Amino acid sequence: MASEARRQHERRGRRAEDIAAIWLIAKGYRLIGRRVRTPVGEIDLVMRRRNALVFVEVKARATLDSGLLALHPRQQARCEAAARWLAVRHGWPGAVLRHDAVVIRPWAFPVHLVAVWRDG
């Protein structure tokens, strides 16, 4: 039973990432990667917009508040470390690194939070 719940959670997460990617592409972003794994963590979406590399955390939650609460400091540290690792590994000098989040809620438009946190 637990494995079925896990599979369901995984499907819901992938669907939320699909929706977020489509939403951001419609806003002029270019998709660079999905579920990008690094030794220090995973980034849900890596997007590019002008000179900015945007590392996007996607949260599928029932409410906007619960989505915001899911963006906790431990997750921030993991995302920042993964973004720095990717920037060094792929040689993106001079690119502005930005961390965004997209909260996906049932029967509502996605909420795109720009620069939800800053490195440091």
N, C-alpha and C. Protein backbone atom coordinates (compact mmCIF):
# COMPACT_ATOMS: atom_id res chain seq x y z
N MET A 1 0.82 -1.20 0.00
CA MET A 1 0.00 0.00 0.00
C MET A 1 0.87 1.26 0.00
N ALA A 2 1.94 1.26 0.77
CA ALA A 2 2.81 2.43 0.84
C ALA A 2 3.44 2.71 -0.52
N SER A 3 3.80 1.66 -1.23
CA SER A 3 4.42 1.87 -2.54
C SER A 3 3.43 2.48 -3.54
N GLU A 4 2.17 2.13 -3.43
CA GLU A 4 1.16 2.73 -4.31
C GLU A 4 0.99 4.21 -4.00
N ALA A 5 1.00 4.55 -2.73
CA ALA A 5 0.90 5.97 -2.33
C ALA A 5 2.11 6.73 -2.84
N ARG A 6 3.27 6.11 -2.77
CA ARG A 6 4.49 6.75 -3.25
C ARG A 6 4.43 6.97 -4.76
N ARG A 7 3.95 5.99 -5.49
CA ARG A 7 3.80 6.13 -6.95
C ARG A 7 2.81 7.24 -7.30
N GLN A 8 1.74 7.31 -6.55
CA GLN A 8 0.74 8.35 -6.77
C GLN A 8 1.34 9.74 -6.51
N HIS A 9 2.10 9.86 -5.44
CA HIS A 9 2.77 11.11 -5.10
C HIS A 9 3.75 11.50 -6.21
N GLU A 10 4.49 10.52 -6.71
CA GLU A 10 5.45 10.74 -7.79
C GLU A 10 4.74 11.23 -9.06
N ARG A 11 3.63 10.62 -9.42
CA ARG A 11 2.86 11.05 -10.60
C ARG A 11 2.34 12.48 -10.43
N ARG A 12 1.85 12.78 -9.24
CA ARG A 12 1.34 14.13 -8.98
C ARG A 12 2.48 15.15 -9.10
N GLY A 13 3.65 14.81 -8.61
CA GLY A 13 4.80 15.71 -8.72
C GLY A 13 5.23 15.93 -10.15
N ARG A 14 5.27 14.87 -10.94
CA ARG A 14 5.64 15.00 -12.36
C ARG A 14 4.62 15.84 -13.12
N ARG A 15 3.35 15.64 -12.81
CA ARG A 15 2.30 16.42 -13.46
C ARG A 15 2.44 17.90 -13.10
N ALA A 16 2.74 18.18 -11.84
CA ALA A 16 2.94 19.58 -11.40
C ALA A 16 4.13 20.19 -12.13
N GLU A 17 5.20 19.43 -12.30
CA GLU A 17 6.37 19.93 -13.03
C GLU A 17 6.04 20.19 -14.50
N ASP A 18 5.23 19.32 -15.09
CA ASP A 18 4.79 19.55 -16.48
C ASP A 18 4.03 20.86 -16.59
N ILE A 19 3.10 21.07 -15.68
CA ILE A 19 2.28 22.29 -15.69
C ILE A 19 3.16 23.52 -15.49
N ALA A 20 4.08 23.44 -14.53
CA ALA A 20 4.96 24.57 -14.26
C ALA A 20 5.84 24.89 -15.46
N ALA A 21 6.38 23.85 -16.11
CA ALA A 21 7.24 24.07 -17.29
C ALA A 21 6.44 24.75 -18.41
N ILE A 22 5.25 24.27 -18.67
CA ILE A 22 4.41 24.87 -19.72
C ILE A 22 4.09 26.32 -19.37
N TRP A 23 3.77 26.57 -18.12
CA TRP A 23 3.44 27.93 -17.65
C TRP A 23 4.61 28.88 -17.88
N LEU A 24 5.81 28.43 -17.50
CA LEU A 24 6.98 29.29 -17.64
C LEU A 24 7.38 29.47 -19.10
N ILE A 25 7.26 28.44 -19.91
CA ILE A 25 7.55 28.57 -21.35
C ILE A 25 6.60 29.59 -21.97
N ALA A 26 5.33 29.55 -21.56
CA ALA A 26 4.36 30.52 -22.07
C ALA A 26 4.73 31.95 -21.65
N LYS A 27 5.46 32.09 -20.55
CA LYS A 27 5.90 33.40 -20.06
C LYS A 27 7.24 33.83 -20.68
N GLY A 28 7.79 33.02 -21.58
CA GLY A 28 9.01 33.41 -22.27
C GLY A 28 10.28 32.75 -21.76
N TYR A 29 10.17 31.79 -20.88
CA TYR A 29 11.34 31.07 -20.38
C TYR A 29 11.67 29.92 -21.34
N ARG A 30 12.94 29.51 -21.33
CA ARG A 30 13.37 28.37 -22.15
C ARG A 30 13.80 27.26 -21.21
N LEU A 31 13.28 26.07 -21.45
CA LEU A 31 13.58 24.92 -20.60
C LEU A 31 14.98 24.39 -20.92
N ILE A 32 15.82 24.31 -19.89
CA ILE A 32 17.17 23.77 -20.03
C ILE A 32 17.21 22.33 -19.54
N GLY A 33 16.52 22.04 -18.42
CA GLY A 33 16.53 20.69 -17.87
C GLY A 33 15.42 20.47 -16.88
N ARG A 34 15.08 19.18 -16.71
CA ARG A 34 14.05 18.78 -15.75
C ARG A 34 14.64 17.76 -14.82
N ARG A 35 14.28 17.86 -13.57
CA ARG A 35 14.76 16.91 -12.55
C ARG A 35 16.26 16.70 -12.68
N VAL A 36 16.97 17.79 -12.65
CA VAL A 36 18.42 17.76 -12.83
C VAL A 36 19.05 17.34 -11.50
N ARG A 37 19.73 16.20 -11.54
CA ARG A 37 20.35 15.66 -10.32
C ARG A 37 21.80 16.09 -10.23
N THR A 38 22.20 16.45 -9.02
CA THR A 38 23.58 16.79 -8.72
C THR A 38 23.98 15.99 -7.48
N PRO A 39 25.26 15.96 -7.15
CA PRO A 39 25.65 15.27 -5.92
C PRO A 39 25.08 15.90 -4.65
N VAL A 40 24.65 17.14 -4.73
CA VAL A 40 24.15 17.83 -3.54
C VAL A 40 22.64 18.04 -3.53
N GLY A 41 21.93 17.59 -4.55
CA GLY A 41 20.48 17.72 -4.58
C GLY A 41 19.94 17.77 -5.99
N GLU A 42 18.63 17.81 -6.08
CA GLU A 42 17.95 17.82 -7.37
C GLU A 42 17.23 19.15 -7.56
N ILE A 43 17.27 19.63 -8.80
CA ILE A 43 16.54 20.84 -9.17
C ILE A 43 15.37 20.39 -10.04
N ASP A 44 14.15 20.84 -9.70
CA ASP A 44 12.97 20.41 -10.46
C ASP A 44 13.05 20.88 -11.91
N LEU A 45 13.27 22.17 -12.12
CA LEU A 45 13.35 22.73 -13.47
C LEU A 45 14.51 23.72 -13.53
N VAL A 46 15.26 23.66 -14.62
CA VAL A 46 16.28 24.68 -14.89
C VAL A 46 15.81 25.39 -16.15
N MET A 47 15.61 26.69 -16.02
CA MET A 47 15.09 27.50 -17.12
C MET A 47 16.08 28.62 -17.42
N ARG A 48 15.91 29.21 -18.58
CA ARG A 48 16.73 30.37 -18.93
C ARG A 48 15.81 31.48 -19.40
N ARG A 49 16.11 32.68 -18.94
CA ARG A 49 15.37 33.86 -19.39
C ARG A 49 16.37 35.00 -19.50
N ARG A 50 16.60 35.45 -20.70
CA ARG A 50 17.62 36.46 -21.00
C ARG A 50 18.96 35.98 -20.45
N ASN A 51 19.61 36.77 -19.57
CA ASN A 51 20.91 36.36 -19.05
C ASN A 51 20.80 35.63 -17.71
N ALA A 52 19.60 35.25 -17.32
CA ALA A 52 19.40 34.59 -16.02
C ALA A 52 19.19 33.09 -16.20
N LEU A 53 19.88 32.33 -15.37
CA LEU A 53 19.59 30.91 -15.21
C LEU A 53 18.67 30.81 -14.01
N VAL A 54 17.53 30.22 -14.22
CA VAL A 54 16.50 30.18 -13.19
C VAL A 54 16.32 28.74 -12.73
N PHE A 55 16.55 28.52 -11.45
CA PHE A 55 16.39 27.21 -10.84
C PHE A 55 15.04 27.22 -10.13
N VAL A 56 14.15 26.35 -10.59
CA VAL A 56 12.75 26.41 -10.16
C VAL A 56 12.41 25.21 -9.28
N GLU A 57 11.87 25.51 -8.12
CA GLU A 57 11.33 24.49 -7.23
C GLU A 57 9.82 24.47 -7.44
N VAL A 58 9.27 23.30 -7.70
CA VAL A 58 7.83 23.17 -7.97
C VAL A 58 7.18 22.48 -6.77
N LYS A 59 6.10 23.08 -6.29
CA LYS A 59 5.36 22.51 -5.17
C LYS A 59 3.91 22.32 -5.57
N ALA A 60 3.41 21.11 -5.45
CA ALA A 60 1.99 20.82 -5.68
C ALA A 60 1.33 20.72 -4.31
N ARG A 61 0.50 21.66 -4.01
CA ARG A 61 -0.13 21.72 -2.70
C ARG A 61 -1.59 22.14 -2.85
N ALA A 62 -2.36 21.89 -1.81
CA ALA A 62 -3.78 22.23 -1.82
C ALA A 62 -4.01 23.73 -1.77
N THR A 63 -3.13 24.44 -1.08
CA THR A 63 -3.30 25.89 -0.93
C THR A 63 -1.97 26.60 -1.19
N LEU A 64 -2.04 27.87 -1.48
CA LEU A 64 -0.83 28.67 -1.67
C LEU A 64 -0.02 28.72 -0.38
N ASP A 65 -0.69 28.88 0.76
CA ASP A 65 0.01 28.94 2.04
C ASP A 65 0.81 27.66 2.30
N SER A 66 0.22 26.51 2.03
CA SER A 66 0.94 25.26 2.27
C SER A 66 2.11 25.12 1.30
N GLY A 67 1.96 25.65 0.09
CA GLY A 67 3.07 25.65 -0.86
C GLY A 67 4.21 26.54 -0.39
N LEU A 68 3.89 27.70 0.16
CA LEU A 68 4.92 28.60 0.67
C LEU A 68 5.62 28.01 1.89
N LEU A 69 4.86 27.35 2.74
CA LEU A 69 5.46 26.72 3.92
C LEU A 69 6.41 25.58 3.55
N ALA A 70 6.21 24.99 2.39
CA ALA A 70 7.08 23.89 1.95
C ALA A 70 8.44 24.39 1.47
N LEU A 71 8.59 25.69 1.31
CA LEU A 71 9.87 26.27 0.89
C LEU A 71 10.68 26.64 2.13
N HIS A 72 11.14 25.66 2.85
CA HIS A 72 11.82 25.87 4.12
C HIS A 72 13.33 26.07 3.95
N PRO A 73 14.01 26.54 4.98
CA PRO A 73 15.45 26.84 4.88
C PRO A 73 16.32 25.65 4.45
N ARG A 74 16.01 24.45 4.91
CA ARG A 74 16.79 23.28 4.51
C ARG A 74 16.71 23.07 3.00
N GLN A 75 15.51 23.25 2.45
CA GLN A 75 15.33 23.12 1.01
C GLN A 75 16.06 24.24 0.27
N GLN A 76 16.01 25.43 0.82
CA GLN A 76 16.73 26.56 0.23
C GLN A 76 18.22 26.24 0.13
N ALA A 77 18.80 25.74 1.20
CA ALA A 77 20.24 25.42 1.20
C ALA A 77 20.56 24.35 0.16
N ARG A 78 19.71 23.34 0.05
CA ARG A 78 19.92 22.27 -0.93
C ARG A 78 19.85 22.81 -2.35
N CYS A 79 18.85 23.63 -2.63
CA CYS A 79 18.68 24.20 -3.98
C CYS A 79 19.84 25.12 -4.34
N GLU A 80 20.27 25.95 -3.39
CA GLU A 80 21.38 26.85 -3.66
C GLU A 80 22.66 26.08 -3.94
N ALA A 81 22.92 25.02 -3.16
CA ALA A 81 24.12 24.21 -3.36
C ALA A 81 24.09 23.53 -4.72
N ALA A 82 22.94 22.99 -5.09
CA ALA A 82 22.80 22.32 -6.39
C ALA A 82 22.98 23.32 -7.54
N ALA A 83 22.43 24.52 -7.39
CA ALA A 83 22.57 25.55 -8.44
C ALA A 83 24.02 25.96 -8.61
N ARG A 84 24.72 26.17 -7.49
CA ARG A 84 26.14 26.53 -7.58
C ARG A 84 26.95 25.41 -8.23
N TRP A 85 26.65 24.16 -7.87
CA TRP A 85 27.35 23.02 -8.45
C TRP A 85 27.15 22.99 -9.97
N LEU A 86 25.90 23.18 -10.39
CA LEU A 86 25.60 23.16 -11.83
C LEU A 86 26.28 24.31 -12.56
N ALA A 87 26.28 25.49 -11.96
CA ALA A 87 26.89 26.66 -12.60
C ALA A 87 28.38 26.43 -12.81
N VAL A 88 29.06 25.86 -11.82
CA VAL A 88 30.48 25.58 -11.94
C VAL A 88 30.72 24.44 -12.94
N ARG A 89 29.97 23.40 -12.82
CA ARG A 89 30.14 22.21 -13.66
C ARG A 89 29.93 22.51 -15.14
N HIS A 90 28.93 23.32 -15.45
CA HIS A 90 28.58 23.59 -16.85
C HIS A 90 29.18 24.89 -17.37
N GLY A 91 29.92 25.57 -16.53
CA GLY A 91 30.62 26.77 -16.98
C GLY A 91 29.69 27.86 -17.47
N TRP A 92 28.83 28.32 -16.59
CA TRP A 92 27.91 29.40 -16.94
C TRP A 92 28.41 30.70 -16.32
N PRO A 93 29.61 31.14 -16.69
CA PRO A 93 30.13 32.36 -16.05
C PRO A 93 29.33 33.57 -16.49
N GLY A 94 29.16 34.48 -15.58
CA GLY A 94 28.46 35.71 -15.91
C GLY A 94 26.95 35.60 -15.90
N ALA A 95 26.43 34.39 -15.81
CA ALA A 95 24.98 34.25 -15.78
C ALA A 95 24.47 34.64 -14.40
N VAL A 96 23.35 35.27 -14.38
CA VAL A 96 22.67 35.59 -13.13
C VAL A 96 21.96 34.32 -12.69
N LEU A 97 22.22 33.88 -11.47
CA LEU A 97 21.55 32.70 -10.92
C LEU A 97 20.37 33.18 -10.07
N ARG A 98 19.20 32.62 -10.37
CA ARG A 98 18.01 33.03 -9.64
C ARG A 98 17.23 31.80 -9.22
N HIS A 99 16.60 31.89 -8.07
CA HIS A 99 15.80 30.78 -7.55
C HIS A 99 14.33 31.20 -7.51
N ASP A 100 13.52 30.52 -8.31
CA ASP A 100 12.09 30.79 -8.34
C ASP A 100 11.36 29.57 -7.79
N ALA A 101 10.09 29.73 -7.55
CA ALA A 101 9.23 28.62 -7.16
C ALA A 101 7.92 28.77 -7.91
N VAL A 102 7.30 27.63 -8.18
CA VAL A 102 5.97 27.62 -8.77
C VAL A 102 5.11 26.73 -7.89
N VAL A 103 4.00 27.28 -7.42
CA VAL A 103 3.07 26.51 -6.60
C VAL A 103 1.88 26.14 -7.49
N ILE A 104 1.63 24.84 -7.55
CA ILE A 104 0.53 24.31 -8.35
C ILE A 104 -0.57 23.87 -7.39
N ARG A 105 -1.77 24.43 -7.60
CA ARG A 105 -2.92 24.10 -6.76
C ARG A 105 -4.04 23.57 -7.62
N PRO A 106 -4.90 22.74 -7.06
CA PRO A 106 -6.01 22.21 -7.85
C PRO A 106 -6.94 23.33 -8.33
N TRP A 107 -7.32 23.28 -9.56
CA TRP A 107 -8.30 24.18 -10.16
C TRP A 107 -7.94 25.66 -10.01
N ALA A 108 -6.66 25.96 -10.09
CA ALA A 108 -6.22 27.35 -9.99
C ALA A 108 -5.01 27.54 -10.90
N PHE A 109 -4.80 28.76 -11.34
CA PHE A 109 -3.61 29.04 -12.13
C PHE A 109 -2.36 28.85 -11.26
N PRO A 110 -1.26 28.45 -11.87
CA PRO A 110 -0.01 28.34 -11.11
C PRO A 110 0.40 29.71 -10.57
N VAL A 111 1.09 29.71 -9.44
CA VAL A 111 1.63 30.93 -8.86
C VAL A 111 3.15 30.86 -9.01
N HIS A 112 3.70 31.82 -9.78
CA HIS A 112 5.13 31.88 -10.03
C HIS A 112 5.73 32.92 -9.09
N LEU A 113 6.61 32.46 -8.21
CA LEU A 113 7.27 33.34 -7.25
C LEU A 113 8.68 33.59 -7.76
N VAL A 114 8.94 34.82 -8.19
CA VAL A 114 10.23 35.19 -8.78
C VAL A 114 11.19 35.54 -7.65
N ALA A 115 12.42 35.02 -7.78
CA ALA A 115 13.48 35.28 -6.79
C ALA A 115 12.98 35.00 -5.38
N VAL A 116 12.47 33.81 -5.18
CA VAL A 116 11.86 33.44 -3.91
C VAL A 116 12.89 33.45 -2.78
N TRP A 117 14.15 33.19 -3.10
CA TRP A 117 15.24 33.37 -2.15
C TRP A 117 16.50 33.67 -2.90
N ARG A 118 17.48 34.19 -2.21
CA ARG A 118 18.74 34.59 -2.83
C ARG A 118 19.87 33.75 -2.24
N ASP A 119 20.90 33.52 -3.07
CA ASP A 119 22.08 32.80 -2.58
C ASP A 119 22.68 33.54 -1.40
N GLY A 120 23.22 32.75 -0.50
CA GLY A 120 23.88 33.38 0.64
C GLY A 120 23.35 32.83 1.86
